[in-house]
């Protein structure tokens, strides 16, 4: 599994853990994930700040992105932490608590005029 996907899934699960009872009910392993993150980030002011930002605003995609970046940086530096995170995210995937998407784009020989990502549309959409 790609390191960035593991890190971002970890950040998303951490955010779920801060939603209180709903977060705890969503995945039984959330406590172990949070303990692992708190332990590893404890010596880093930047890491602790990122975790605190997600705790304060778990719905913030900016806070989750920063936490994911910090997790990824620690995973690069610390093979043991990377193994722990991969194990936790694999377990979360198996339990259905998180989905890690793998996206591959192959643009060889393509001519691309417009690229549009649309999530929700109410009304007409014209190009």
C-alpha atoms as a PDB file:
ATOM      1  CA  UNK A   1       0.000   0.000   0.000  1.00  0.00           C
ATOM      2  CA  UNK A   2       1.316   3.447  -0.848  1.00  0.00           C
ATOM      3  CA  UNK A   3       2.678   5.434   2.064  1.00  0.00           C
ATOM      4  CA  UNK A   4       0.602   8.526   1.251  1.00  0.00           C
ATOM      5  CA  UNK A   5      -2.635   6.518   1.161  1.00  0.00           C
ATOM      6  CA  UNK A   6      -1.843   4.968   4.543  1.00  0.00           C
ATOM      7  CA  UNK A   7      -1.017   8.366   6.059  1.00  0.00           C
ATOM      8  CA  UNK A   8      -4.168  10.055   4.755  1.00  0.00           C
ATOM      9  CA  UNK A   9      -6.351   7.131   5.841  1.00  0.00           C
ATOM     10  CA  UNK A  10      -4.769   7.392   9.290  1.00  0.00           C
ATOM     11  CA  UNK A  11      -5.576  11.097   9.436  1.00  0.00           C
ATOM     12  CA  UNK A  12      -9.169  10.475   8.345  1.00  0.00           C
ATOM     13  CA  UNK A  13      -9.630   7.771  10.977  1.00  0.00           C
ATOM     14  CA  UNK A  14      -8.116  10.036  13.629  1.00  0.00           C
ATOM     15  CA  UNK A  15     -10.662  12.702  12.693  1.00  0.00           C
ATOM     16  CA  UNK A  16     -13.448  10.142  13.079  1.00  0.00           C
ATOM     17  CA  UNK A  17     -12.085   9.295  16.517  1.00  0.00           C
ATOM     18  CA  UNK A  18     -12.553  12.883  17.638  1.00  0.00           C
ATOM     19  CA  UNK A  19     -16.257  12.876  16.786  1.00  0.00           C
ATOM     20  CA  UNK A  20     -17.004  11.295  20.167  1.00  0.00           C
ATOM     21  CA  UNK A  21     -19.317   8.334  20.544  1.00  0.00           C
ATOM     22  CA  UNK A  22     -20.066   8.168  16.815  1.00  0.00           C
ATOM     23  CA  UNK A  23     -16.355   7.929  16.093  1.00  0.00           C
ATOM     24  CA  UNK A  24     -15.729   5.235  18.682  1.00  0.00           C
ATOM     25  CA  UNK A  25     -18.593   3.180  17.352  1.00  0.00           C
ATOM     26  CA  UNK A  26     -17.362   3.396  13.769  1.00  0.00           C
ATOM     27  CA  UNK A  27     -14.298   1.203  14.307  1.00  0.00           C
ATOM     28  CA  UNK A  28     -13.212  -0.751  17.354  1.00  0.00           C
ATOM     29  CA  UNK A  29      -9.495  -0.184  16.583  1.00  0.00           C
ATOM     30  CA  UNK A  30      -9.709   3.608  16.779  1.00  0.00           C
ATOM     31  CA  UNK A  31      -8.269   3.618  20.313  1.00  0.00           C
ATOM     32  CA  UNK A  32      -5.159   1.739  19.195  1.00  0.00           C
ATOM     33  CA  UNK A  33      -4.709   4.081  16.225  1.00  0.00           C
ATOM     34  CA  UNK A  34      -5.028   7.154  18.448  1.00  0.00           C
ATOM     35  CA  UNK A  35      -2.581   5.738  21.016  1.00  0.00           C
ATOM     36  CA  UNK A  36      -0.083   4.963  18.242  1.00  0.00           C
ATOM     37  CA  UNK A  37      -0.397   8.474  16.779  1.00  0.00           C
ATOM     38  CA  UNK A  38      -0.175  10.233  20.142  1.00  0.00           C
ATOM     39  CA  UNK A  39       2.867   8.182  21.106  1.00  0.00           C
ATOM     40  CA  UNK A  40       4.752   8.798  17.859  1.00  0.00           C
ATOM     41  CA  UNK A  41       3.841  12.482  17.506  1.00  0.00           C
ATOM     42  CA  UNK A  42       4.522  13.282  21.177  1.00  0.00           C
ATOM     43  CA  UNK A  43       8.100  14.437  20.571  1.00  0.00           C
ATOM     44  CA  UNK A  44       7.210  16.736  17.696  1.00  0.00           C
ATOM     45  CA  UNK A  45       5.643  20.149  18.238  1.00  0.00           C
ATOM     46  CA  UNK A  46       4.528  20.220  14.583  1.00  0.00           C
ATOM     47  CA  UNK A  47       3.048  16.720  14.841  1.00  0.00           C
ATOM     48  CA  UNK A  48       1.273  17.523  18.099  1.00  0.00           C
ATOM     49  CA  UNK A  49      -0.071  20.741  16.596  1.00  0.00           C
ATOM     50  CA  UNK A  50      -1.447  18.854  13.582  1.00  0.00           C
ATOM     51  CA  UNK A  51      -3.131  16.305  15.836  1.00  0.00           C
ATOM     52  CA  UNK A  52      -4.563  19.072  18.043  1.00  0.00           C
ATOM     53  CA  UNK A  53      -5.944  20.865  14.972  1.00  0.00           C
ATOM     54  CA  UNK A  54      -7.817  17.714  13.931  1.00  0.00           C
ATOM     55  CA  UNK A  55      -9.070  17.265  17.489  1.00  0.00           C
ATOM     56  CA  UNK A  56     -10.416  20.838  17.505  1.00  0.00           C
ATOM     57  CA  UNK A  57     -11.932  20.626  14.017  1.00  0.00           C
ATOM     58  CA  UNK A  58     -12.267  16.984  12.959  1.00  0.00           C
ATOM     59  CA  UNK A  59     -14.332  17.953   9.921  1.00  0.00           C
ATOM     60  CA  UNK A  60     -11.601  20.245   8.530  1.00  0.00           C
ATOM     61  CA  UNK A  61     -10.024  18.782   5.408  1.00  0.00           C
ATOM     62  CA  UNK A  62      -7.105  21.218   5.803  1.00  0.00           C
ATOM     63  CA  UNK A  63      -6.380  19.932   9.317  1.00  0.00           C
ATOM     64  CA  UNK A  64      -6.698  16.319   8.154  1.00  0.00           C
ATOM     65  CA  UNK A  65      -4.350  16.991   5.232  1.00  0.00           C
ATOM     66  CA  UNK A  66      -1.717  18.492   7.541  1.00  0.00           C
ATOM     67  CA  UNK A  67      -2.007  15.573   9.953  1.00  0.00           C
ATOM     68  CA  UNK A  68      -1.685  13.153   7.048  1.00  0.00           C
ATOM     69  CA  UNK A  69       1.459  14.957   5.908  1.00  0.00           C
ATOM     70  CA  UNK A  70       2.960  14.712   9.396  1.00  0.00           C
ATOM     71  CA  UNK A  71       2.067  11.022   9.637  1.00  0.00           C
ATOM     72  CA  UNK A  72       3.656  10.408   6.241  1.00  0.00           C
ATOM     73  CA  UNK A  73       6.851  12.244   7.260  1.00  0.00           C
ATOM     74  CA  UNK A  74       7.159  10.092  10.374  1.00  0.00           C
ATOM     75  CA  UNK A  75       6.439   6.949   8.374  1.00  0.00           C
ATOM     76  CA  UNK A  76       9.315   7.814   6.030  1.00  0.00           C
ATOM     77  CA  UNK A  77      11.687   8.328   8.967  1.00  0.00           C
ATOM     78  CA  UNK A  78      10.549   5.417  11.130  1.00  0.00           C
ATOM     79  CA  UNK A  79      10.093   1.943   9.598  1.00  0.00           C
ATOM     80  CA  UNK A  80       8.503   0.566  12.786  1.00  0.00           C
ATOM     81  CA  UNK A  81       5.886   3.336  12.837  1.00  0.00           C
ATOM     82  CA  UNK A  82       5.193   2.703   9.142  1.00  0.00           C
ATOM     83  CA  UNK A  83       4.604  -0.988   9.869  1.00  0.00           C
ATOM     84  CA  UNK A  84       2.244  -0.109  12.723  1.00  0.00           C
ATOM     85  CA  UNK A  85       0.269   2.315  10.555  1.00  0.00           C
ATOM     86  CA  UNK A  86       0.068  -0.123   7.643  1.00  0.00           C
ATOM     87  CA  UNK A  87      -1.177  -2.822  10.010  1.00  0.00           C
ATOM     88  CA  UNK A  88      -3.799  -0.513  11.521  1.00  0.00           C
ATOM     89  CA  UNK A  89      -5.042   0.745   8.157  1.00  0.00           C
ATOM     90  CA  UNK A  90      -5.130  -2.789   6.742  1.00  0.00           C
ATOM     91  CA  UNK A  91      -7.250  -3.845   9.737  1.00  0.00           C
ATOM     92  CA  UNK A  92      -9.514  -0.809   9.271  1.00  0.00           C
ATOM     93  CA  UNK A  93      -9.967  -1.694   5.596  1.00  0.00           C
ATOM     94  CA  UNK A  94     -10.769  -5.301   6.487  1.00  0.00           C
ATOM     95  CA  UNK A  95     -13.327  -4.109   9.048  1.00  0.00           C
ATOM     96  CA  UNK A  96     -14.871  -1.693   6.531  1.00  0.00           C
ATOM     97  CA  UNK A  97     -13.974   1.426   8.524  1.00  0.00           C
ATOM     98  CA  UNK A  98     -11.961   2.999   5.719  1.00  0.00           C
ATOM     99  CA  UNK A  99     -11.527   2.615   1.990  1.00  0.00           C
ATOM    100  CA  UNK A 100      -8.159   3.367   0.467  1.00  0.00           C
ATOM    101  CA  UNK A 101      -8.618   4.171  -3.193  1.00  0.00           C
ATOM    102  CA  UNK A 102      -5.918   3.573  -5.728  1.00  0.00           C
ATOM    103  CA  UNK A 103      -6.106   5.871  -8.732  1.00  0.00           C
ATOM    104  CA  UNK A 104      -4.032   5.405 -11.821  1.00  0.00           C
ATOM    105  CA  UNK A 105      -4.210   7.669 -14.841  1.00  0.00           C
ATOM    106  CA  UNK A 106      -2.552   6.867 -18.144  1.00  0.00           C
ATOM    107  CA  UNK A 107      -2.524   9.804 -20.525  1.00  0.00           C
ATOM    108  CA  UNK A 108      -0.037   8.457 -23.093  1.00  0.00           C
ATOM    109  CA  UNK A 109      -1.060   9.574 -26.545  1.00  0.00           C
ATOM    110  CA  UNK A 110      -4.065  11.512 -25.235  1.00  0.00           C
ATOM    111  CA  UNK A 111      -5.123  15.036 -26.094  1.00  0.00           C
ATOM    112  CA  UNK A 112      -6.890  16.590 -23.146  1.00  0.00           C
ATOM    113  CA  UNK A 113      -8.961  19.700 -23.725  1.00  0.00           C
ATOM    114  CA  UNK A 114     -10.883  19.951 -20.467  1.00  0.00           C
ATOM    115  CA  UNK A 115     -10.715  18.136 -17.165  1.00  0.00           C
ATOM    116  CA  UNK A 116     -13.699  18.502 -14.875  1.00  0.00           C
ATOM    117  CA  UNK A 117     -14.382  16.908 -11.500  1.00  0.00           C
ATOM    118  CA  UNK A 118     -18.011  17.171 -10.489  1.00  0.00           C
ATOM    119  CA  UNK A 119     -19.348  15.925  -7.178  1.00  0.00           C
ATOM    120  CA  UNK A 120     -22.871  17.296  -6.803  1.00  0.00           C
ATOM    121  CA  UNK A 121     -24.885  19.225  -9.365  1.00  0.00           C
ATOM    122  CA  UNK A 122     -28.261  20.821  -8.759  1.00  0.00           C
ATOM    123  CA  UNK A 123     -29.673  22.142 -12.007  1.00  0.00           C
ATOM    124  CA  UNK A 124     -28.177  22.371 -15.487  1.00  0.00           C
ATOM    125  CA  UNK A 125     -24.553  21.703 -16.339  1.00  0.00           C
ATOM    126  CA  UNK A 126     -23.251  22.855 -19.725  1.00  0.00           C
ATOM    127  CA  UNK A 127     -19.803  22.746 -21.301  1.00  0.00           C
END
